[in-house]
Amino acid sequence: MTSHLERCHSIVLSGPVDRVFPLFSPIGETLWVEGWDPEFLHPQGRETEQGMVFRTAHGDETTLWACADWDPVGHRVRYVRVTPDSRFGFVEVA
C-alpha cells in the first residue's frame, strides 16, 4: 500500500543570503550535516548545477538526488530525491 504525505518546514538563518544559501548545496551540507557525504554521479564535478545527480547513504538506505532547478542569483534550488522502495520527494530551498 502506498501513502502520500506532505511536509513543509521553515528555517530562518541569520546572515547574508549570499553566505547561507550555499550551505544548502551538496557540498555546503557537508559543513553542518553529520555523516553527509554525497557521491557525485553526473557530471563528475562537485559544482551544483541543474541536472546534476548525486547519491547519499544513511545506514542501509541509499538515496538518489537530482537538481531539478538551480537559480543561484535568485537563491532558489529544487531537488528531487528517491530512496528506492521507501520514499520519493522534493526538497526546495528559497
PDB file of N, CA and C in Angstrom:
ATOM      1  N   MET A   1       0.843  -1.174   0.000  1.00  0.00           N
ATOM      2  CA  MET A   1       0.000   0.000   0.000  1.00  0.00           C
ATOM      3  C   MET A   1       0.892   1.243   0.000  1.00  0.00           C
ATOM      4  N   THR A   2       0.523   2.226  -0.777  1.00  0.00           N
ATOM      5  CA  THR A   2       1.274   3.472  -0.829  1.00  0.00           C
ATOM      6  C   THR A   2       0.511   4.555  -0.081  1.00  0.00           C
ATOM      7  N   SER A   3       1.234   5.545   0.351  1.00  0.00           N
ATOM      8  CA  SER A   3       0.596   6.665   1.026  1.00  0.00           C
ATOM      9  C   SER A   3       1.250   7.956   0.550  1.00  0.00           C
ATOM     10  N   HIS A   4       0.541   9.038   0.760  1.00  0.00           N
ATOM     11  CA  HIS A   4       1.035  10.353   0.364  1.00  0.00           C
ATOM     12  C   HIS A   4       1.116  11.217   1.609  1.00  0.00           C
ATOM     13  N   LEU A   5       2.244  11.850   1.790  1.00  0.00           N
ATOM     14  CA  LEU A   5       2.458  12.706   2.948  1.00  0.00           C
ATOM     15  C   LEU A   5       3.188  13.948   2.484  1.00  0.00           C
ATOM     16  N   GLU A   6       2.712  15.105   2.889  1.00  0.00           N
ATOM     17  CA  GLU A   6       3.396  16.353   2.572  1.00  0.00           C
ATOM     18  C   GLU A   6       3.883  16.980   3.861  1.00  0.00           C
ATOM     19  N   ARG A   7       5.109  17.470   3.800  1.00  0.00           N
ATOM     20  CA  ARG A   7       5.690  18.164   4.947  1.00  0.00           C
ATOM     21  C   ARG A   7       6.287  19.468   4.465  1.00  0.00           C
ATOM     22  N   CYS A   8       6.186  20.475   5.284  1.00  0.00           N
ATOM     23  CA  CYS A   8       6.778  21.760   4.986  1.00  0.00           C
ATOM     24  C   CYS A   8       7.488  22.222   6.245  1.00  0.00           C
ATOM     25  N   HIS A   9       8.681  22.718   6.078  1.00  0.00           N
ATOM     26  CA  HIS A   9       9.465  23.148   7.228  1.00  0.00           C
ATOM     27  C   HIS A   9      10.189  24.430   6.861  1.00  0.00           C
ATOM     28  N   SER A  10      10.218  25.358   7.749  1.00  0.00           N
ATOM     29  CA  SER A  10      10.931  26.615   7.517  1.00  0.00           C
ATOM     30  C   SER A  10      12.070  26.754   8.505  1.00  0.00           C
ATOM     31  N   ILE A  11      13.177  27.251   8.006  1.00  0.00           N
ATOM     32  CA  ILE A  11      14.342  27.539   8.830  1.00  0.00           C
ATOM     33  C   ILE A  11      14.706  28.992   8.571  1.00  0.00           C
ATOM     34  N   VAL A  12      14.861  29.751   9.619  1.00  0.00           N
ATOM     35  CA  VAL A  12      15.278  31.140   9.484  1.00  0.00           C
ATOM     36  C   VAL A  12      16.722  31.216   9.956  1.00  0.00           C
ATOM     37  N   LEU A  13      17.593  31.694   9.079  1.00  0.00           N
ATOM     38  CA  LEU A  13      19.011  31.767   9.390  1.00  0.00           C
ATOM     39  C   LEU A  13      19.460  33.211   9.474  1.00  0.00           C
ATOM     40  N   SER A  14      20.378  33.466  10.371  1.00  0.00           N
ATOM     41  CA  SER A  14      20.963  34.795  10.492  1.00  0.00           C
ATOM     42  C   SER A  14      22.144  34.905   9.544  1.00  0.00           C
ATOM     43  N   GLY A  15      22.243  36.014   8.880  1.00  0.00           N
ATOM     44  CA  GLY A  15      23.383  36.233   7.997  1.00  0.00           C
ATOM     45  C   GLY A  15      22.923  36.585   6.605  1.00  0.00           C
ATOM     46  N   PRO A  16      23.833  37.102   5.816  1.00  0.00           N
ATOM     47  CA  PRO A  16      23.510  37.477   4.443  1.00  0.00           C
ATOM     48  C   PRO A  16      23.143  36.242   3.611  1.00  0.00           C
ATOM     49  N   VAL A  17      22.144  36.372   2.748  1.00  0.00           N
ATOM     50  CA  VAL A  17      21.686  35.244   1.939  1.00  0.00           C
ATOM     51  C   VAL A  17      22.808  34.683   1.073  1.00  0.00           C
ATOM     52  N   ASP A  18      23.722  35.523   0.606  1.00  0.00           N
ATOM     53  CA  ASP A  18      24.834  35.029  -0.201  1.00  0.00           C
ATOM     54  C   ASP A  18      25.776  34.130   0.595  1.00  0.00           C
ATOM     55  N   ARG A  19      25.736  34.233   1.915  1.00  0.00           N
ATOM     56  CA  ARG A  19      26.585  33.381   2.761  1.00  0.00           C
ATOM     57  C   ARG A  19      25.863  32.099   3.173  1.00  0.00           C
ATOM     58  N   VAL A  20      24.553  32.178   3.453  1.00  0.00           N
ATOM     59  CA  VAL A  20      23.846  30.998   3.961  1.00  0.00           C
ATOM     60  C   VAL A  20      23.261  30.112   2.861  1.00  0.00           C
ATOM     61  N   PHE A  21      22.890  30.685   1.706  1.00  0.00           N
ATOM     62  CA  PHE A  21      22.311  29.869   0.641  1.00  0.00           C
ATOM     63  C   PHE A  21      23.236  28.732   0.201  1.00  0.00           C
ATOM     64  N   PRO A  22      24.543  28.950   0.028  1.00  0.00           N
ATOM     65  CA  PRO A  22      25.428  27.850  -0.380  1.00  0.00           C
ATOM     66  C   PRO A  22      25.474  26.683   0.614  1.00  0.00           C
ATOM     67  N   LEU A  23      25.037  26.883   1.844  1.00  0.00           N
ATOM     68  CA  LEU A  23      25.020  25.792   2.824  1.00  0.00           C
ATOM     69  C   LEU A  23      24.011  24.709   2.457  1.00  0.00           C
ATOM     70  N   PHE A  24      23.117  24.984   1.493  1.00  0.00           N
ATOM     71  CA  PHE A  24      22.098  24.023   1.078  1.00  0.00           C
ATOM     72  C   PHE A  24      22.416  23.395  -0.274  1.00  0.00           C
ATOM     73  N   SER A  25      23.684  23.398  -0.621  1.00  0.00           N
ATOM     74  CA  SER A  25      24.171  22.679  -1.797  1.00  0.00           C
ATOM     75  C   SER A  25      24.737  21.348  -1.302  1.00  0.00           C
ATOM     76  N   PRO A  26      24.947  20.387  -2.194  1.00  0.00           N
ATOM     77  CA  PRO A  26      25.512  19.108  -1.738  1.00  0.00           C
ATOM     78  C   PRO A  26      26.830  19.268  -0.983  1.00  0.00           C
ATOM     79  N   ILE A  27      27.723  20.124  -1.461  1.00  0.00           N
ATOM     80  CA  ILE A  27      28.999  20.343  -0.767  1.00  0.00           C
ATOM     81  C   ILE A  27      28.784  21.163   0.495  1.00  0.00           C
ATOM     82  N   GLY A  28      27.943  22.183   0.431  1.00  0.00           N
ATOM     83  CA  GLY A  28      27.685  23.043   1.588  1.00  0.00           C
ATOM     84  C   GLY A  28      27.133  22.273   2.777  1.00  0.00           C
ATOM     85  N   GLU A  29      26.315  21.260   2.507  1.00  0.00           N
ATOM     86  CA  GLU A  29      25.729  20.496   3.616  1.00  0.00           C
ATOM     87  C   GLU A  29      26.764  19.665   4.364  1.00  0.00           C
ATOM     88  N   THR A  30      27.915  19.388   3.736  1.00  0.00           N
ATOM     89  CA  THR A  30      28.961  18.645   4.447  1.00  0.00           C
ATOM     90  C   THR A  30      29.488  19.452   5.635  1.00  0.00           C
ATOM     91  N   LEU A  31      29.283  20.772   5.609  1.00  0.00           N
ATOM     92  CA  LEU A  31      29.766  21.635   6.688  1.00  0.00           C
ATOM     93  C   LEU A  31      28.906  21.582   7.944  1.00  0.00           C
ATOM     94  N   TRP A  32      27.673  21.088   7.833  1.00  0.00           N
ATOM     95  CA  TRP A  32      26.790  21.131   9.002  1.00  0.00           C
ATOM     96  C   TRP A  32      25.898  19.909   9.193  1.00  0.00           C
ATOM     97  N   VAL A  33      25.875  18.957   8.248  1.00  0.00           N
ATOM     98  CA  VAL A  33      25.062  17.742   8.398  1.00  0.00           C
ATOM     99  C   VAL A  33      26.005  16.572   8.669  1.00  0.00           C
ATOM    100  N   GLU A  34      25.932  16.047   9.870  1.00  0.00           N
ATOM    101  CA  GLU A  34      26.802  14.941  10.259  1.00  0.00           C
ATOM    102  C   GLU A  34      26.567  13.728   9.366  1.00  0.00           C
ATOM    103  N   GLY A  35      27.635  13.174   8.833  1.00  0.00           N
ATOM    104  CA  GLY A  35      27.558  11.985   8.006  1.00  0.00           C
ATOM    105  C   GLY A  35      27.187  12.250   6.555  1.00  0.00           C
ATOM    106  N   TRP A  36      26.927  13.493   6.187  1.00  0.00           N
ATOM    107  CA  TRP A  36      26.554  13.830   4.802  1.00  0.00           C
ATOM    108  C   TRP A  36      27.801  13.718   3.930  1.00  0.00           C
ATOM    109  N   ASP A  37      27.771  12.809   2.958  1.00  0.00           N
ATOM    110  CA  ASP A  37      28.930  12.574   2.088  1.00  0.00           C
ATOM    111  C   ASP A  37      28.433  12.246   0.683  1.00  0.00           C
ATOM    112  N   PRO A  38      28.049  13.266  -0.097  1.00  0.00           N
ATOM    113  CA  PRO A  38      27.486  12.997  -1.411  1.00  0.00           C
ATOM    114  C   PRO A  38      28.513  12.403  -2.381  1.00  0.00           C
ATOM    115  N   GLU A  39      28.031  11.450  -3.185  1.00  0.00           N
ATOM    116  CA  GLU A  39      28.847  10.860  -4.251  1.00  0.00           C
ATOM    117  C   GLU A  39      28.300  11.414  -5.567  1.00  0.00           C
ATOM    118  N   PHE A  40      29.102  12.154  -6.283  1.00  0.00           N
ATOM    119  CA  PHE A  40      28.654  12.830  -7.493  1.00  0.00           C
ATOM    120  C   PHE A  40      28.693  11.867  -8.682  1.00  0.00           C
ATOM    121  N   LEU A  41      27.519  11.699  -9.325  1.00  0.00           N
ATOM    122  CA  LEU A  41      27.386  10.768 -10.438  1.00  0.00           C
ATOM    123  C   LEU A  41      27.416  11.466 -11.795  1.00  0.00           C
ATOM    124  N   HIS A  42      26.763  12.625 -11.879  1.00  0.00           N
ATOM    125  CA  HIS A  42      26.730  13.377 -13.144  1.00  0.00           C
ATOM    126  C   HIS A  42      26.504  14.845 -12.863  1.00  0.00           C
ATOM    127  N   PRO A  43      27.245  15.728 -13.429  1.00  0.00           N
ATOM    128  CA  PRO A  43      28.558  15.456 -14.014  1.00  0.00           C
ATOM    129  C   PRO A  43      29.549  15.106 -12.910  1.00  0.00           C
ATOM    130  N   GLN A  44      30.738  14.773 -13.256  1.00  0.00           N
ATOM    131  CA  GLN A  44      31.724  14.339 -12.271  1.00  0.00           C
ATOM    132  C   GLN A  44      32.206  15.464 -11.362  1.00  0.00           C
ATOM    133  N   GLY A  45      32.021  16.707 -11.768  1.00  0.00           N
ATOM    134  CA  GLY A  45      32.422  17.836 -10.930  1.00  0.00           C
ATOM    135  C   GLY A  45      31.544  17.945  -9.691  1.00  0.00           C
ATOM    136  N   ARG A  46      31.953  18.761  -8.766  1.00  0.00           N
ATOM    137  CA  ARG A  46      31.241  18.901  -7.496  1.00  0.00           C
ATOM    138  C   ARG A  46      30.429  20.194  -7.427  1.00  0.00           C
ATOM    139  N   GLU A  47      30.364  20.926  -8.527  1.00  0.00           N
ATOM    140  CA  GLU A  47      29.611  22.179  -8.549  1.00  0.00           C
ATOM    141  C   GLU A  47      28.121  21.889  -8.697  1.00  0.00           C
ATOM    142  N   THR A  48      27.315  22.615  -7.943  1.00  0.00           N
ATOM    143  CA  THR A  48      25.865  22.468  -8.065  1.00  0.00           C
ATOM    144  C   THR A  48      25.418  23.073  -9.383  1.00  0.00           C
ATOM    145  N   GLU A  49      24.605  22.330 -10.138  1.00  0.00           N
ATOM    146  CA  GLU A  49      24.050  22.821 -11.384  1.00  0.00           C
ATOM    147  C   GLU A  49      22.779  22.042 -11.696  1.00  0.00           C
ATOM    148  N   GLN A  50      21.916  22.649 -12.482  1.00  0.00           N
ATOM    149  CA  GLN A  50      20.689  21.981 -12.883  1.00  0.00           C
ATOM    150  C   GLN A  50      21.042  20.715 -13.657  1.00  0.00           C
ATOM    151  N   GLY A  51      20.379  19.619 -13.336  1.00  0.00           N
ATOM    152  CA  GLY A  51      20.628  18.345 -13.993  1.00  0.00           C
ATOM    153  C   GLY A  51      21.648  17.464 -13.308  1.00  0.00           C
ATOM    154  N   MET A  52      22.331  17.985 -12.295  1.00  0.00           N
ATOM    155  CA  MET A  52      23.317  17.162 -11.595  1.00  0.00           C
ATOM    156  C   MET A  52      22.612  16.024 -10.854  1.00  0.00           C
ATOM    157  N   VAL A  53      23.313  14.918 -10.696  1.00  0.00           N
ATOM    158  CA  VAL A  53      22.795  13.753  -9.979  1.00  0.00           C
ATOM    159  C   VAL A  53      23.856  13.315  -8.989  1.00  0.00           C
ATOM    160  N   PHE A  54      23.416  13.041  -7.747  1.00  0.00           N
ATOM    161  CA  PHE A  54      24.351  12.548  -6.741  1.00  0.00           C
ATOM    162  C   PHE A  54      23.641  11.551  -5.843  1.00  0.00           C
ATOM    163  N   ARG A  55      24.424  10.833  -5.064  1.00  0.00           N
ATOM    164  CA  ARG A  55      23.895   9.767  -4.208  1.00  0.00           C
ATOM    165  C   ARG A  55      24.387   9.990  -2.791  1.00  0.00           C
ATOM    166  N   THR A  56      23.517   9.703  -1.831  1.00  0.00           N
ATOM    167  CA  THR A  56      23.907   9.727  -0.427  1.00  0.00           C
ATOM    168  C   THR A  56      23.500   8.402   0.218  1.00  0.00           C
ATOM    169  N   ALA A  57      24.147   8.084   1.311  1.00  0.00           N
ATOM    170  CA  ALA A  57      23.827   6.857   2.044  1.00  0.00           C
ATOM    171  C   ALA A  57      23.677   7.198   3.517  1.00  0.00           C
ATOM    172  N   HIS A  58      22.714   6.546   4.133  1.00  0.00           N
ATOM    173  CA  HIS A  58      22.487   6.695   5.571  1.00  0.00           C
ATOM    174  C   HIS A  58      22.032   5.338   6.084  1.00  0.00           C
ATOM    175  N   GLY A  59      22.861   4.703   6.889  1.00  0.00           N
ATOM    176  CA  GLY A  59      22.537   3.352   7.342  1.00  0.00           C
ATOM    177  C   GLY A  59      22.484   2.423   6.142  1.00  0.00           C
ATOM    178  N   ASP A  60      21.393   1.660   6.033  1.00  0.00           N
ATOM    179  CA  ASP A  60      21.219   0.725   4.925  1.00  0.00           C
ATOM    180  C   ASP A  60      20.522   1.348   3.721  1.00  0.00           C
ATOM    181  N   GLU A  61      20.186   2.629   3.795  1.00  0.00           N
ATOM    182  CA  GLU A  61      19.443   3.268   2.714  1.00  0.00           C
ATOM    183  C   GLU A  61      20.351   4.118   1.831  1.00  0.00           C
ATOM    184  N   THR A  62      20.098   4.033   0.542  1.00  0.00           N
ATOM    185  CA  THR A  62      20.766   4.878  -0.439  1.00  0.00           C
ATOM    186  C   THR A  62      19.714   5.764  -1.068  1.00  0.00           C
ATOM    187  N   THR A  63      20.034   7.052  -1.219  1.00  0.00           N
ATOM    188  CA  THR A  63      19.111   7.997  -1.829  1.00  0.00           C
ATOM    189  C   THR A  63      19.769   8.625  -3.046  1.00  0.00           C
ATOM    190  N   LEU A  64      19.022   8.664  -4.145  1.00  0.00           N
ATOM    191  CA  LEU A  64      19.463   9.331  -5.365  1.00  0.00           C
ATOM    192  C   LEU A  64      18.827  10.709  -5.408  1.00  0.00           C
ATOM    193  N   TRP A  65      19.621  11.706  -5.750  1.00  0.00           N
ATOM    194  CA  TRP A  65      19.181  13.092  -5.808  1.00  0.00           C
ATOM    195  C   TRP A  65      19.442  13.646  -7.205  1.00  0.00           C
ATOM    196  N   ALA A  66      18.557  14.512  -7.672  1.00  0.00           N
ATOM    197  CA  ALA A  66      18.769  15.248  -8.919  1.00  0.00           C
ATOM    198  C   ALA A  66      18.407  16.703  -8.658  1.00  0.00           C
ATOM    199  N   CYS A  67      19.211  17.600  -9.189  1.00  0.00           N
ATOM    200  CA  CYS A  67      18.920  19.027  -9.072  1.00  0.00           C
ATOM    201  C   CYS A  67      18.001  19.397 -10.231  1.00  0.00           C
ATOM    202  N   ALA A  68      16.726  19.640  -9.929  1.00  0.00           N
ATOM    203  CA  ALA A  68      15.730  19.930 -10.953  1.00  0.00           C
ATOM    204  C   ALA A  68      15.749  21.401 -11.373  1.00  0.00           C
ATOM    205  N   ASP A  69      15.979  22.295 -10.441  1.00  0.00           N
ATOM    206  CA  ASP A  69      16.021  23.732 -10.715  1.00  0.00           C
ATOM    207  C   ASP A  69      17.169  24.342  -9.931  1.00  0.00           C
ATOM    208  N   TRP A  70      17.942  25.203 -10.556  1.00  0.00           N
ATOM    209  CA  TRP A  70      19.089  25.838  -9.904  1.00  0.00           C
ATOM    210  C   TRP A  70      19.120  27.300 -10.305  1.00  0.00           C
ATOM    211  N   ASP A  71      18.890  28.173  -9.350  1.00  0.00           N
ATOM    212  CA  ASP A  71      18.896  29.620  -9.587  1.00  0.00           C
ATOM    213  C   ASP A  71      19.699  30.289  -8.481  1.00  0.00           C
ATOM    214  N   PRO A  72      21.036  30.289  -8.583  1.00  0.00           N
ATOM    215  CA  PRO A  72      21.847  30.865  -7.517  1.00  0.00           C
ATOM    216  C   PRO A  72      21.669  32.372  -7.386  1.00  0.00           C
ATOM    217  N   VAL A  73      21.354  33.061  -8.455  1.00  0.00           N
ATOM    218  CA  VAL A  73      21.136  34.511  -8.379  1.00  0.00           C
ATOM    219  C   VAL A  73      19.856  34.811  -7.593  1.00  0.00           C
ATOM    220  N   GLY A  74      18.818  34.019  -7.837  1.00  0.00           N
ATOM    221  CA  GLY A  74      17.550  34.186  -7.111  1.00  0.00           C
ATOM    222  C   GLY A  74      17.512  33.428  -5.801  1.00  0.00           C
ATOM    223  N   HIS A  75      18.602  32.739  -5.453  1.00  0.00           N
ATOM    224  CA  HIS A  75      18.724  31.979  -4.204  1.00  0.00           C
ATOM    225  C   HIS A  75      17.607  30.935  -4.074  1.00  0.00           C
ATOM    226  N   ARG A  76      17.485  30.090  -5.119  1.00  0.00           N
ATOM    227  CA  ARG A  76      16.461  29.049  -5.123  1.00  0.00           C
ATOM    228  C   ARG A  76      17.032  27.789  -5.761  1.00  0.00           C
ATOM    229  N   VAL A  77      16.774  26.657  -5.128  1.00  0.00           N
ATOM    230  CA  VAL A  77      17.175  25.362  -5.677  1.00  0.00           C
ATOM    231  C   VAL A  77      16.074  24.359  -5.347  1.00  0.00           C
ATOM    232  N   ARG A  78      15.861  23.421  -6.262  1.00  0.00           N
ATOM    233  CA  ARG A  78      14.862  22.367  -6.035  1.00  0.00           C
ATOM    234  C   ARG A  78      15.498  21.034  -6.409  1.00  0.00           C
ATOM    235  N   TYR A  79      15.456  20.104  -5.467  1.00  0.00           N
ATOM    236  CA  TYR A  79      15.992  18.765  -5.669  1.00  0.00           C
ATOM    237  C   TYR A  79      14.850  17.758  -5.717  1.00  0.00           C
ATOM    238  N   VAL A  80      15.039  16.700  -6.499  1.00  0.00           N
ATOM    239  CA  VAL A  80      14.165  15.532  -6.487  1.00  0.00           C
ATOM    240  C   VAL A  80      14.985  14.435  -5.836  1.00  0.00           C
ATOM    241  N   ARG A  81      14.376  13.716  -4.883  1.00  0.00           N
ATOM    242  CA  ARG A  81      15.106  12.651  -4.196  1.00  0.00           C
ATOM    243  C   ARG A  81      14.288  11.369  -4.190  1.00  0.00           C
ATOM    244  N   VAL A  82      14.972  10.246  -4.402  1.00  0.00           N
ATOM    245  CA  VAL A  82      14.328   8.941  -4.424  1.00  0.00           C
ATOM    246  C   VAL A  82      15.130   7.986  -3.557  1.00  0.00           C
ATOM    247  N   THR A  83      14.460   7.420  -2.576  1.00  0.00           N
ATOM    248  CA  THR A  83      15.027   6.337  -1.780  1.00  0.00           C
ATOM    249  C   THR A  83      14.242   5.101  -2.194  1.00  0.00           C
ATOM    250  N   PRO A  84      14.835   4.232  -3.049  1.00  0.00           N
ATOM    251  CA  PRO A  84      14.080   3.106  -3.601  1.00  0.00           C
ATOM    252  C   PRO A  84      13.363   2.291  -2.535  1.00  0.00           C
ATOM    253  N   ASP A  85      12.152   1.850  -2.887  1.00  0.00           N
ATOM    254  CA  ASP A  85      11.284   1.034  -2.014  1.00  0.00           C
ATOM    255  C   ASP A  85      10.857   1.758  -0.742  1.00  0.00           C
ATOM    256  N   SER A  86      11.043   3.082  -0.695  1.00  0.00           N
ATOM    257  CA  SER A  86      10.743   3.785   0.545  1.00  0.00           C
ATOM    258  C   SER A  86      10.101   5.147   0.326  1.00  0.00           C
ATOM    259  N   ARG A  87      10.830   6.075  -0.330  1.00  0.00           N
ATOM    260  CA  ARG A  87      10.353   7.456  -0.408  1.00  0.00           C
ATOM    261  C   ARG A  87      10.717   8.103  -1.733  1.00  0.00           C
ATOM    262  N   PHE A  88       9.888   9.059  -2.101  1.00  0.00           N
ATOM    263  CA  PHE A  88      10.125   9.943  -3.242  1.00  0.00           C
ATOM    264  C   PHE A  88       9.713  11.337  -2.787  1.00  0.00           C
ATOM    265  N   GLY A  89      10.520  12.325  -3.088  1.00  0.00           N
ATOM    266  CA  GLY A  89      10.124  13.652  -2.633  1.00  0.00           C
ATOM    267  C   GLY A  89      10.889  14.761  -3.326  1.00  0.00           C
ATOM    268  N   PHE A  90      10.491  15.957  -2.986  1.00  0.00           N
ATOM    269  CA  PHE A  90      11.119  17.182  -3.484  1.00  0.00           C
ATOM    270  C   PHE A  90      11.641  17.958  -2.290  1.00  0.00           C
ATOM    271  N   VAL A  91      12.767  18.592  -2.461  1.00  0.00           N
ATOM    272  CA  VAL A  91      13.323  19.486  -1.448  1.00  0.00           C
ATOM    273  C   VAL A  91      13.567  20.808  -2.143  1.00  0.00           C
ATOM    274  N   GLU A  92      12.933  21.862  -1.629  1.00  0.00           N
ATOM    275  CA  GLU A  92      13.092  23.182  -2.223  1.00  0.00           C
ATOM    276  C   GLU A  92      13.648  24.134  -1.182  1.00  0.00           C
ATOM    277  N   VAL A  93      14.647  24.891  -1.597  1.00  0.00           N
ATOM    278  CA  VAL A  93      15.251  25.900  -0.735  1.00  0.00           C
ATOM    279  C   VAL A  93      15.133  27.238  -1.451  1.00  0.00           C
ATOM    280  N   ALA A  94      14.587  28.214  -0.753  1.00  0.00           N
ATOM    281  CA  ALA A  94      14.439  29.559  -1.335  1.00  0.00           C
ATOM    282  C   ALA A  94      14.699  30.580  -0.259  1.00  0.00           C
TER     283      ALA A  94
END
